[in-house]
Protein backbone atom coordinates (compact mmCIF):
# COMPACT_ATOMS: atom_id res chain seq x y z
CA MET A 1 -114.78 200.17 25.84
CA PRO A 2 -116.89 199.66 22.68
CA ALA A 3 -120.48 200.93 22.80
CA SER A 4 -121.73 197.34 22.62
CA GLU A 5 -119.96 196.43 25.89
CA THR A 6 -120.58 197.27 29.53
CA ALA A 7 -118.75 196.63 32.77
CA ALA A 8 -120.96 193.57 33.29
CA VAL A 9 -120.90 192.12 29.76
CA ARG A 10 -118.18 192.27 27.13
CA HIS A 11 -117.46 190.61 23.80
CA TYR A 12 -114.28 188.61 23.25
CA GLN A 13 -113.50 188.76 19.54
CA ASP A 14 -110.92 185.96 19.68
CA LEU A 15 -113.40 183.63 21.43
CA GLY A 16 -116.36 184.71 19.35
CA ALA A 17 -118.32 184.90 22.60
CA TRP A 18 -119.91 187.22 25.09
CA VAL A 19 -118.65 187.02 28.66
CA VAL A 20 -120.91 187.87 31.58
CA ALA A 21 -118.75 188.90 34.53
CA ASP A 22 -121.06 190.66 36.99
CA LYS A 23 -122.69 188.37 39.57
CA GLU A 24 -126.20 189.78 39.36
CA THR A 25 -126.15 189.85 35.56
CA ALA A 26 -124.83 186.27 35.62
CA ARG A 27 -127.65 185.24 37.95
CA ALA A 28 -130.18 186.75 35.56
CA ALA A 29 -128.52 185.05 32.59
CA LEU A 30 -128.62 181.64 34.27
CA GLY A 31 -132.36 182.06 34.75
CA ASP A 32 -133.09 183.36 31.25
CA ALA A 33 -134.94 180.77 29.13
CA SER A 34 -133.65 182.52 25.99
CA LEU A 35 -130.15 181.34 26.83
CA SER A 36 -129.98 177.64 26.04
CA SER A 37 -127.72 174.97 27.50
CA ARG A 38 -127.71 173.15 24.15
CA THR A 39 -124.29 174.48 23.27
CA VAL A 40 -122.66 171.32 21.94
CA GLU A 41 -124.98 170.57 19.04
CA ASN A 42 -122.92 172.83 16.81
CA GLY A 43 -119.86 172.79 18.97
CA PHE A 44 -118.11 169.64 17.85
CA TYR A 45 -115.58 170.52 15.21
CA LEU A 46 -114.72 167.01 14.15
CA PRO A 47 -114.10 166.26 10.48
CA ALA A 48 -116.75 164.09 8.83
CA GLY A 49 -114.69 160.89 8.95
CA LEU A 50 -113.96 161.25 12.64
CA ARG A 51 -117.57 162.10 13.40
CA GLU A 52 -118.50 158.69 12.05
CA GLU A 53 -115.69 156.99 13.96
CA CYS A 54 -116.68 158.71 17.21
CA ALA A 55 -120.45 158.51 16.73
CA GLU A 56 -120.83 156.69 20.04
CA LEU A 57 -119.08 159.50 21.91
CA LEU A 58 -121.15 162.22 20.24
CA ASP A 59 -124.39 160.34 20.92
CA VAL A 60 -123.65 159.81 24.62
CA VAL A 61 -122.49 163.38 25.32
CA SER A 62 -125.51 164.81 23.49
CA ARG A 63 -127.69 162.96 26.04
CA TRP A 64 -126.15 164.72 29.07
CA PHE A 65 -129.02 166.50 30.81
CA VAL A 66 -126.82 169.50 31.68
CA LEU A 67 -126.83 170.14 27.92
CA ARG A 68 -130.62 170.06 27.69
CA ASP A 69 -133.35 172.54 28.54
CA GLY A 70 -136.88 172.50 29.90
CA GLU A 71 -138.68 169.24 30.48
CA ASP A 72 -135.94 167.22 28.74
CA HIS A 73 -133.54 168.44 31.41
CA LEU A 74 -135.95 168.06 34.32
CA ALA A 75 -137.10 164.55 33.43
CA ALA A 76 -133.56 163.19 33.27
CA ARG A 77 -132.56 165.07 36.40
CA ARG A 78 -135.50 163.74 38.43
CA ALA A 79 -134.28 160.17 37.96
CA ILE A 80 -131.12 160.73 40.00
CA GLN A 81 -132.21 163.58 42.30
CA PRO A 82 -133.10 161.15 45.15
CA MET A 83 -129.41 160.17 45.27
CA PHE A 84 -128.63 163.73 46.35
CA SER A 85 -131.64 164.46 48.57
CA PRO A 86 -131.01 165.92 52.04
CA GLY A 87 -131.98 162.62 53.67
CA LYS A 88 -129.66 160.61 51.44
CA ILE A 89 -126.77 163.00 52.04
CA ARG A 90 -127.27 162.80 55.82
CA LYS A 91 -127.14 159.01 55.62
CA LEU A 92 -123.92 159.23 53.61
CA ARG A 93 -122.06 161.13 56.33
CA GLY A 94 -120.87 157.94 58.00
CA ASP A 95 -119.66 156.50 54.69
CA ILE A 96 -117.86 159.72 53.79
CA ASP A 97 -116.22 159.90 57.22
CA ALA A 98 -115.04 156.32 56.73
CA ILE A 99 -113.58 157.13 53.31
CA VAL A 100 -111.81 160.20 54.70
CA GLY A 101 -110.43 158.10 57.56
CA GLN A 102 -109.17 155.38 55.21
CA VAL A 103 -107.38 157.90 52.99
CA LEU A 104 -105.85 159.69 55.97
CA ASP A 105 -104.61 156.35 57.30
CA GLU A 106 -102.71 155.92 54.02
CA LEU A 107 -100.76 159.16 54.50
CA PRO A 108 -97.41 159.14 56.30
CA ASP A 109 -97.29 160.32 59.88
CA SER A 110 -95.22 163.39 59.02
CA GLY A 111 -93.23 165.06 56.26
CA VAL A 112 -94.24 167.02 53.16
CA VAL A 113 -97.01 165.42 51.10
CA ASP A 114 -98.75 166.62 47.95
CA VAL A 115 -102.33 166.25 49.18
CA VAL A 116 -103.89 166.60 45.71
CA PRO A 117 -103.12 163.04 44.49
CA ARG A 118 -102.73 161.57 47.98
CA LEU A 119 -105.82 163.00 49.65
CA THR A 120 -108.37 165.09 47.74
CA GLU A 121 -108.35 163.04 44.52
CA GLN A 122 -108.67 159.87 46.56
CA ILE A 123 -111.65 161.04 48.60
CA SER A 124 -113.62 162.49 45.69
CA ALA A 125 -113.10 159.39 43.53
CA ARG A 126 -113.95 156.83 46.21
CA ALA A 127 -117.10 158.69 47.23
CA LEU A 128 -118.32 159.12 43.67
CA ALA A 129 -117.52 155.51 42.76
CA ARG A 130 -119.85 154.40 45.52
CA LEU A 131 -122.75 156.50 44.22
CA LEU A 132 -122.18 155.60 40.59
CA GLY A 133 -121.97 151.87 41.21
CA LEU A 134 -118.27 151.42 40.52
CA PRO A 135 -116.86 150.12 43.81
CA GLY A 136 -113.37 148.79 43.45
CA THR A 137 -112.59 150.88 40.37
CA GLY A 138 -109.15 152.44 40.64
CA VAL A 139 -108.96 156.11 41.58
CA ASP A 140 -106.49 156.83 38.78
CA GLU A 141 -108.84 155.24 36.26
CA LEU A 142 -111.79 157.35 37.35
CA HIS A 143 -109.78 160.54 37.09
CA ARG A 144 -108.39 159.46 33.72
CA TRP A 145 -111.92 158.98 32.37
CA ALA A 146 -113.06 162.35 33.69
CA ARG A 147 -110.02 164.15 32.28
CA ALA A 148 -110.43 162.50 28.88
CA LEU A 149 -113.98 163.85 28.69
CA ALA A 150 -112.85 167.29 29.87
CA ALA A 151 -110.07 167.42 27.28
CA PHE A 152 -112.49 166.52 24.51
CA LEU A 153 -115.04 169.15 25.50
CA ALA A 154 -112.30 171.78 25.77
CA ALA A 155 -110.82 170.97 22.33
CA SER A 156 -113.23 168.74 20.44
CA TYR A 157 -111.46 169.42 17.14
CA ARG A 158 -108.48 167.31 18.25
CA LYS A 159 -108.61 163.74 16.98
CA ASP A 160 -106.59 162.36 19.89
CA HIS A 161 -108.96 163.90 22.43
CA ALA A 162 -112.05 162.55 20.68
CA ARG A 163 -110.63 159.04 20.45
CA ALA A 164 -109.45 159.06 24.08
CA ALA A 165 -112.87 160.23 25.28
CA GLN A 166 -114.65 157.53 23.30
CA ASP A 167 -112.29 154.89 24.70
CA ALA A 168 -113.03 156.18 28.20
CA LEU A 169 -116.79 155.86 27.65
CA ARG A 170 -116.42 152.32 26.31
CA GLN A 171 -114.40 151.31 29.37
CA MET A 172 -116.98 152.91 31.64
CA ARG A 173 -119.80 151.03 29.91
CA VAL A 174 -118.07 147.69 30.57
CA ARG A 175 -117.53 148.53 34.24
CA PHE A 176 -121.09 149.72 34.79
CA GLN A 177 -122.65 146.71 33.12
CA ALA A 178 -120.58 144.45 35.35
CA GLY A 179 -121.91 146.19 38.48
CA ALA A 180 -124.22 144.57 40.97
CA ASP A 181 -127.94 144.61 40.14
CA GLY A 182 -130.39 145.95 42.67
CA GLU A 183 -128.00 148.35 44.40
CA ASP A 184 -129.14 151.94 44.89
CA THR A 185 -126.73 153.58 42.48
CA ILE A 186 -127.00 156.27 39.84
CA TRP A 187 -126.53 153.67 37.10
CA ASN A 188 -129.51 151.68 38.34
CA ARG A 189 -131.73 154.70 38.89
CA VAL A 190 -131.50 156.17 35.39
CA ASP A 191 -134.43 155.35 33.11
CA GLY A 192 -134.08 154.53 29.44
CA SER A 193 -131.49 152.78 27.35
CA PRO A 194 -127.95 151.79 28.34
CA GLU A 195 -126.82 154.88 26.40
CA ASP A 196 -129.02 157.08 28.63
CA ARG A 197 -127.54 155.44 31.73
CA LEU A 198 -123.99 155.86 30.44
CA ALA A 199 -124.71 159.47 29.54
CA THR A 200 -125.92 160.42 33.01
CA CYS A 201 -123.16 158.51 34.82
CA SER A 202 -120.39 159.93 32.63
CA MET A 203 -121.85 163.41 33.07
CA VAL A 204 -121.85 163.04 36.86
CA LEU A 205 -118.27 161.76 36.78
CA PHE A 206 -117.14 164.59 34.51
CA GLY A 207 -119.01 167.27 36.42
CA GLY A 208 -118.33 166.16 39.97
CA LEU A 209 -114.96 164.49 40.25
CA GLU A 210 -112.41 167.19 39.46
CA THR A 211 -114.50 170.06 40.83
CA THR A 212 -114.92 168.38 44.21
CA THR A 213 -111.22 167.57 44.27
CA SER A 214 -110.47 171.25 43.68
CA LEU A 215 -112.93 172.46 46.30
CA MET A 216 -111.44 170.21 48.98
CA GLY A 217 -107.89 171.25 48.13
CA THR A 218 -108.65 174.96 48.16
CA ALA A 219 -110.63 174.69 51.40
CA LEU A 220 -107.79 172.83 53.11
CA TRP A 221 -105.29 175.44 51.90
CA TYR A 222 -107.57 178.24 53.15
CA VAL A 223 -107.92 176.63 56.58
CA LEU A 224 -104.20 175.96 57.00
CA GLU A 225 -103.13 179.40 55.81
CA ASN A 226 -105.66 181.11 58.10
CA ARG A 227 -104.76 178.87 61.07
CA LEU A 228 -108.36 177.68 61.39
CA VAL A 229 -107.78 173.99 62.13
CA GLU A 230 -109.02 174.15 65.71
CA GLN A 231 -112.08 176.21 64.75
CA VAL A 232 -113.31 173.74 62.09
CA THR A 233 -112.58 170.49 63.95
CA GLY A 234 -114.98 168.40 65.97
CA THR A 235 -118.69 168.77 66.64
CA ALA A 236 -118.26 172.32 67.90
CA GLY A 237 -116.47 173.27 64.69
CA ALA A 238 -119.03 171.90 62.23
CA ALA A 239 -120.83 175.21 61.69
CA GLU A 240 -117.56 177.09 61.18
CA ALA A 241 -116.36 174.42 58.74
CA GLU A 242 -119.54 174.95 56.72
CA SER A 243 -118.92 178.71 56.82
CA VAL A 244 -115.39 178.19 55.53
CA VAL A 245 -116.64 176.06 52.64
CA GLU A 246 -119.10 178.77 51.56
CA ARG A 247 -116.40 181.43 51.76
CA VAL A 248 -114.06 179.33 49.62
CA LEU A 249 -116.83 178.71 47.10
CA GLU A 250 -117.43 182.44 46.93
CA LEU A 251 -113.77 183.36 46.49
CA TYR A 252 -112.44 180.44 44.43
CA PRO A 253 -115.24 178.43 42.76
CA PRO A 254 -113.85 175.29 41.10
CA LEU A 255 -115.68 176.01 37.83
CA GLY A 256 -115.01 179.41 36.31
CA HIS A 257 -117.92 179.67 33.90
CA VAL A 258 -120.67 177.82 32.04
CA ALA A 259 -121.67 178.20 28.39
CA ARG A 260 -125.03 179.19 26.97
CA SER A 261 -126.30 179.83 23.42
CA ALA A 262 -128.79 182.59 22.61
CA ASP A 263 -132.03 181.19 21.17
CA ALA A 264 -133.24 184.68 20.24
CA ASP A 265 -132.03 188.25 19.90
CA ILE A 266 -131.89 189.54 23.46
CA GLU A 267 -130.40 192.32 25.55
CA LEU A 268 -128.03 191.14 28.27
CA GLY A 269 -126.64 193.61 30.75
CA GLY A 270 -127.35 196.42 28.31
CA CYS A 271 -125.65 194.65 25.38
CA PRO A 272 -127.34 193.39 22.19
CA VAL A 273 -126.82 189.61 21.97
CA SER A 274 -127.87 188.02 18.66
CA ARG A 275 -129.54 184.68 18.15
CA GLY A 276 -126.89 181.95 17.94
CA ASP A 277 -124.27 183.91 19.90
CA LEU A 278 -122.23 182.02 22.48
CA VAL A 279 -122.43 183.43 26.01
CA LEU A 280 -119.99 182.43 28.74
CA VAL A 281 -121.52 183.10 32.15
CA SER A 282 -119.03 183.60 34.97
CA LEU A 283 -119.57 181.77 38.25
CA THR A 284 -116.84 183.77 39.98
CA GLY A 285 -118.55 187.18 40.20
CA ARG A 286 -115.88 188.64 37.92
CA ASP A 287 -114.35 188.10 34.49
CA PRO A 288 -113.20 184.46 34.53
CA PHE A 289 -110.45 185.15 31.97
CA GLU A 290 -108.82 187.74 34.19
CA ALA A 291 -108.46 185.31 37.06
CA THR A 292 -105.20 185.18 39.00
CA PRO A 293 -103.92 182.62 41.50
CA PRO A 294 -105.16 183.10 45.06
CA PRO A 295 -103.01 185.45 47.14
CA THR A 296 -100.76 183.96 49.76
CA PRO A 297 -101.81 184.27 52.48
CA PRO A 298 -105.51 184.36 51.54
CA PRO A 299 -107.87 187.03 52.86
CA ARG A 300 -108.39 186.81 56.60
CA HIS A 301 -111.36 184.68 57.51
CA THR A 302 -114.16 186.37 59.40
CA PRO A 303 -116.09 183.86 61.50
CA GLY A 304 -119.84 183.93 61.07
CA ALA A 305 -122.86 182.35 59.50
CA PRO A 306 -122.40 180.53 56.19
CA ARG A 307 -122.92 182.63 53.06
CA ALA A 308 -124.50 180.87 50.12
CA ASP A 309 -125.37 183.75 47.78
CA HIS A 310 -122.51 182.86 45.41
CA LEU A 311 -122.93 181.18 42.02
CA ALA A 312 -120.31 178.46 42.43
CA PHE A 313 -122.92 175.73 41.89
CA GLY A 314 -124.90 177.67 39.32
CA HIS A 315 -128.43 178.98 39.65
CA GLY A 316 -131.95 178.01 38.72
CA MET A 317 -132.87 174.86 36.83
CA HIS A 318 -129.26 173.84 36.31
CA TYR A 319 -128.14 174.23 39.93
CA CYS A 320 -125.60 171.48 40.60
CA SER A 321 -127.26 168.23 41.70
CA GLY A 322 -124.21 167.18 43.69
CA ALA A 323 -123.68 170.44 45.60
CA ALA A 324 -124.65 168.97 48.97
CA LEU A 325 -122.33 166.00 48.47
CA ALA A 326 -119.37 168.25 47.58
CA ARG A 327 -120.02 170.31 50.69
CA LEU A 328 -120.30 167.19 52.85
CA GLU A 329 -117.02 165.73 51.57
CA THR A 330 -115.19 169.00 52.15
CA VAL A 331 -116.46 169.48 55.71
CA ALA A 332 -115.59 165.84 56.49
CA LEU A 333 -112.08 166.34 55.13
CA LEU A 334 -111.48 169.50 57.18
CA ASP A 335 -112.64 167.74 60.34
CA GLY A 336 -110.77 164.50 59.75
CA PHE A 337 -107.55 166.14 58.67
CA GLY A 338 -107.64 168.60 61.58
CA ARG A 339 -108.02 165.78 64.09
CA ARG A 340 -105.03 163.90 62.65
CA HIS A 341 -102.68 166.78 61.90
CA PRO A 342 -103.61 169.84 63.98
CA GLN A 343 -100.22 171.53 63.46
CA ALA A 344 -99.92 170.96 59.70
CA ARG A 345 -98.79 173.86 57.50
CA VAL A 346 -98.70 174.61 53.78
CA HIS A 347 -95.19 173.98 52.46
CA ASP A 348 -95.59 174.88 48.77
CA SER A 349 -98.31 175.12 46.15
CA THR A 350 -98.90 175.45 42.42
CA TRP A 351 -102.17 176.89 41.13
CA GLY A 352 -103.44 175.36 37.89
CA THR A 353 -103.31 177.33 34.64
CA ASN A 354 -106.75 176.22 33.41
CA ARG A 355 -109.14 179.15 33.82
CA THR A 356 -112.26 177.06 33.44
CA TYR A 357 -111.46 174.30 35.94
CA ARG A 358 -109.72 176.10 38.79
CA GLY A 359 -107.69 174.70 41.64
CA PHE A 360 -104.28 173.58 42.86
CA ASP A 361 -102.20 171.31 40.65
CA ARG A 362 -99.99 170.75 43.67
CA LEU A 363 -100.55 171.46 47.34
CA GLY A 364 -97.57 170.42 49.41
CA VAL A 365 -98.47 170.17 53.10
CA ASP A 366 -95.98 169.66 55.91
CA LEU A 367 -97.80 167.17 58.10
CA SER A 368 -97.47 167.45 61.83
CA PRO A 369 -97.05 164.20 63.74
CA ARG A 370 -100.44 162.56 64.07
CA ALA A 371 -102.40 163.48 67.16
CA GLY A 372 -102.16 160.75 69.77
CA LYS A 373 -98.98 159.24 68.33
């Protein structure tokens, strides 16, 4: 190991970035004001002509508050925080249960079903559409928009990705502007220009849709493989369902890392990081680029109180606004699915190859006949 690297922090020459792998060092990095979230200002590698063509895209993404620091971040965040307050989330439980029930009703009574497109993608999209102010928007369309933005941010130098992301934002703008006035939605809560509203709504869609889908899929897999359906179902199982969700977040967080840029020369985990260096902070508690698919079966589950000392939702100022909603949706899914299909088993699965956005590409579940049928 080079002298400039430690077990907690290492430099990837091919990425031109530092990677923070150790959980405690990552926690410190996420709270370090010298490490800025403004990583995209110099991160778009579009040629000059395409920059002009995609000026709308670049302007909107640059307004995302997750890519801002200090008061700029806090002011934009405060506008939508009431949508994710504990009281608001409690009131949403009935709506989320109804969405879960509707999606479960659309599944067949038995047989092998890929629950990623048929169940987890459906629930996450329908719940988020309600908060954003996009009721009636197709689930496939929501996921297509989110994936277009993700593809652009992962490879902004590609012309096709930039154009697809800009098209997605334009379609979103039309849908939002056609929404009902006066409703308590994220679109209507954001202050500022239509561009500011579109920025926050597209950021929430990008940040929450696929990650919540992944969390629900991994949690369902974990429950089925550990034969925990009875333990997490019903009122008596609510606490254990919450414990399962925290364990899954600890073991298999949907987001592998977040990016930061050094605003000054600093020392990080014993390593000299220079001003302008890119730092990738792991949310997994280990090197995110050495990740492997989850073992089958997963580690045995030990019942007990929920653990929430992981970094799956980040830490500090940038802690995920929608964390409580993602947890609520996942607990509701485990309960609803367990009631309908108490004898279901995992039939086959394919873990995704993306090491940043982590989860099952396919989760085939052999449904038991519905309870009561």
